[in-house]
Structures are given as C-alpha cells and as structure tokens.
C-alpha atoms as a PDB file:
ATOM      1  CA  ILE A   1      10.453  14.414  -0.642  1.00  0.00           C
ATOM      2  CA  THR A   2      10.742  12.578  -3.931  1.00  0.00           C
ATOM      3  CA  VAL A   3       8.656   9.738  -5.326  1.00  0.00           C
ATOM      4  CA  ALA A   4      11.751   7.538  -5.084  1.00  0.00           C
ATOM      5  CA  GLU A   5      12.094   8.301  -1.361  1.00  0.00           C
ATOM      6  CA  LEU A   6       8.440   7.434  -0.787  1.00  0.00           C
ATOM      7  CA  LEU A   7       8.728   4.166  -2.704  1.00  0.00           C
ATOM      8  CA  ILE A   8      11.851   3.174  -0.782  1.00  0.00           C
ATOM      9  CA  ALA A   9      10.088   3.924   2.506  1.00  0.00           C
ATOM     10  CA  VAL A  10       7.128   1.736   1.490  1.00  0.00           C
ATOM     11  CA  GLU A  11       9.475  -1.023   0.373  1.00  0.00           C
ATOM     12  CA  ASP A  12      11.390  -0.849   3.661  1.00  0.00           C
ATOM     13  CA  PHE A  13       8.264  -0.735   5.859  1.00  0.00           C
ATOM     14  CA  ASP A  14       8.123  -3.704   8.216  1.00  0.00           C
ATOM     15  CA  ASN A  15       6.270  -2.369  11.258  1.00  0.00           C
ATOM     16  CA  PHE A  16       3.272  -4.676  10.828  1.00  0.00           C
ATOM     17  CA  THR A  17       1.428  -5.486  14.040  1.00  0.00           C
ATOM     18  CA  ALA A  18      -1.861  -7.101  15.000  1.00  0.00           C
ATOM     19  CA  ASP A  19      -3.273  -3.592  15.439  1.00  0.00           C
ATOM     20  CA  ASN A  20      -2.323  -2.169  12.026  1.00  0.00           C
ATOM     21  CA  ASP A  21      -2.417  -5.434  10.056  1.00  0.00           C
ATOM     22  CA  PRO A  22      -5.131  -7.626  11.633  1.00  0.00           C
ATOM     23  CA  TYR A  23      -5.431  -9.927   8.600  1.00  0.00           C
ATOM     24  CA  ALA A  24      -1.650 -10.223   8.012  1.00  0.00           C
ATOM     25  CA  GLU A  25      -2.032  -8.923   4.460  1.00  0.00           C
ATOM     26  CA  HIS A  26       0.771  -6.329   4.713  1.00  0.00           C
ATOM     27  CA  ASP A  27      -1.141  -4.039   2.357  1.00  0.00           C
ATOM     28  CA  PHE A  28      -1.339  -0.820   4.408  1.00  0.00           C
ATOM     29  CA  GLY A  29       1.127   1.284   6.347  1.00  0.00           C
ATOM     30  CA  VAL A  30       1.947   4.686   7.762  1.00  0.00           C
ATOM     31  CA  ILE A  31       5.341   6.277   7.156  1.00  0.00           C
ATOM     32  CA  LYS A  32       6.874   9.551   8.261  1.00  0.00           C
ATOM     33  CA  LEU A  33       9.356  11.432   6.087  1.00  0.00           C
ATOM     34  CA  SER A  34      10.705  14.940   6.572  1.00  0.00           C
ATOM     35  CA  GLY A  35       8.011  15.759   9.104  1.00  0.00           C
ATOM     36  CA  ASP A  36       5.135  14.582   6.891  1.00  0.00           C
ATOM     37  CA  THR A  37       2.981  11.522   7.546  1.00  0.00           C
ATOM     38  CA  PHE A  38       1.909   9.363   4.614  1.00  0.00           C
ATOM     39  CA  PHE A  39      -0.548   6.496   4.280  1.00  0.00           C
ATOM     40  CA  TRP A  40       0.125   3.815   1.709  1.00  0.00           C
ATOM     41  CA  LYS A  41      -2.188   1.042   0.545  1.00  0.00           C
ATOM     42  CA  PHE A  42      -2.096  -1.760  -1.993  1.00  0.00           C
ATOM     43  CA  ASP A  43      -5.349  -2.694  -3.703  1.00  0.00           C
ATOM     44  CA  TYR A  44      -5.885  -5.755  -5.859  1.00  0.00           C
ATOM     45  CA  TYR A  45      -7.921  -5.404  -9.044  1.00  0.00           C
ATOM     46  CA  ASP A  46      -8.792  -7.593 -11.970  1.00  0.00           C
ATOM     47  CA  LEU A  47      -6.704  -7.069 -15.093  1.00  0.00           C
ATOM     48  CA  ASP A  48      -9.194  -4.541 -16.489  1.00  0.00           C
ATOM     49  CA  LEU A  49      -9.083  -2.488 -13.265  1.00  0.00           C
ATOM     50  CA  GLN A  50     -12.880  -2.745 -13.068  1.00  0.00           C
ATOM     51  CA  MET A  51     -13.384  -4.739  -9.854  1.00  0.00           C
ATOM     52  CA  HIS A  52     -11.508  -6.547  -7.142  1.00  0.00           C
ATOM     53  CA  SER A  53      -9.311  -9.407  -8.242  1.00  0.00           C
ATOM     54  CA  PRO A  54     -10.899 -12.850  -8.065  1.00  0.00           C
ATOM     55  CA  ASP A  55      -7.625 -14.117  -6.541  1.00  0.00           C
ATOM     56  CA  PRO A  56      -5.199 -11.438  -5.275  1.00  0.00           C
ATOM     57  CA  THR A  57      -2.442 -14.033  -4.937  1.00  0.00           C
ATOM     58  CA  ASP A  58      -2.539 -14.894  -8.654  1.00  0.00           C
ATOM     59  CA  THR A  59      -0.583 -12.405 -10.765  1.00  0.00           C
ATOM     60  CA  ASN A  60      -2.214 -13.832 -13.908  1.00  0.00           C
ATOM     61  CA  VAL A  61      -5.562 -12.304 -12.887  1.00  0.00           C
ATOM     62  CA  THR A  62      -4.452  -9.444 -10.656  1.00  0.00           C
ATOM     63  CA  THR A  63      -3.197  -5.895 -11.109  1.00  0.00           C
ATOM     64  CA  ARG A  64      -1.804  -4.392  -7.932  1.00  0.00           C
ATOM     65  CA  VAL A  65      -2.237  -0.657  -7.410  1.00  0.00           C
ATOM     66  CA  LEU A  66      -0.243   1.298  -4.837  1.00  0.00           C
ATOM     67  CA  THR A  67      -1.693   4.521  -3.475  1.00  0.00           C
ATOM     68  CA  ILE A  68       0.419   6.874  -1.369  1.00  0.00           C
ATOM     69  CA  MET A  69      -1.132   9.991   0.121  1.00  0.00           C
ATOM     70  CA  LEU A  70      -0.500  12.616   2.758  1.00  0.00           C
ATOM     71  CA  ALA A  71      -2.300  11.563   5.919  1.00  0.00           C
ATOM     72  CA  ASP A  72      -3.784  15.022   6.393  1.00  0.00           C
ATOM     73  CA  GLU A  73      -5.522  14.725   3.007  1.00  0.00           C
ATOM     74  CA  TYR A  74      -7.484  11.668   4.154  1.00  0.00           C
END
C-alpha cells in the first residue's frame, strides 16, 4: 500500500452515517485496503499548531491535519 493509495481512499470515502458521523463533520473514517484496516481523522488547529482552531471553517485561522493509521495500532 502506498501513501497515494491511502490518500485516494480517504478522498473517495463517502460512507458517512449517523453512527460513524453523528455531528455530520465528515472528519473521521475507516477504510480497508489490501486486507488492512485504517482509521483516518482530520483535526483542526490554529495556524501555530498549538491548540484547536477558533473557527475550523475559516482557512485564514485554521491548519487542517490528516492522520492515517493502522487500526490495530490504535
């Protein structure tokens, strides 16, 4: 599995439901590739990456960070 394959899978993910996305933020998902299960999550930080963004919808004050990890490492 390559980083590009993982990023494409995250980009293509659209299986959001009330169970896995209760706040309709579309910032977490589970994908399966080549027999491995991965969790992905977007977090929203201030521009200095010191604390949460004061307004995650405003790109002028927000840095988005994507984390992808093997589910069995959680």
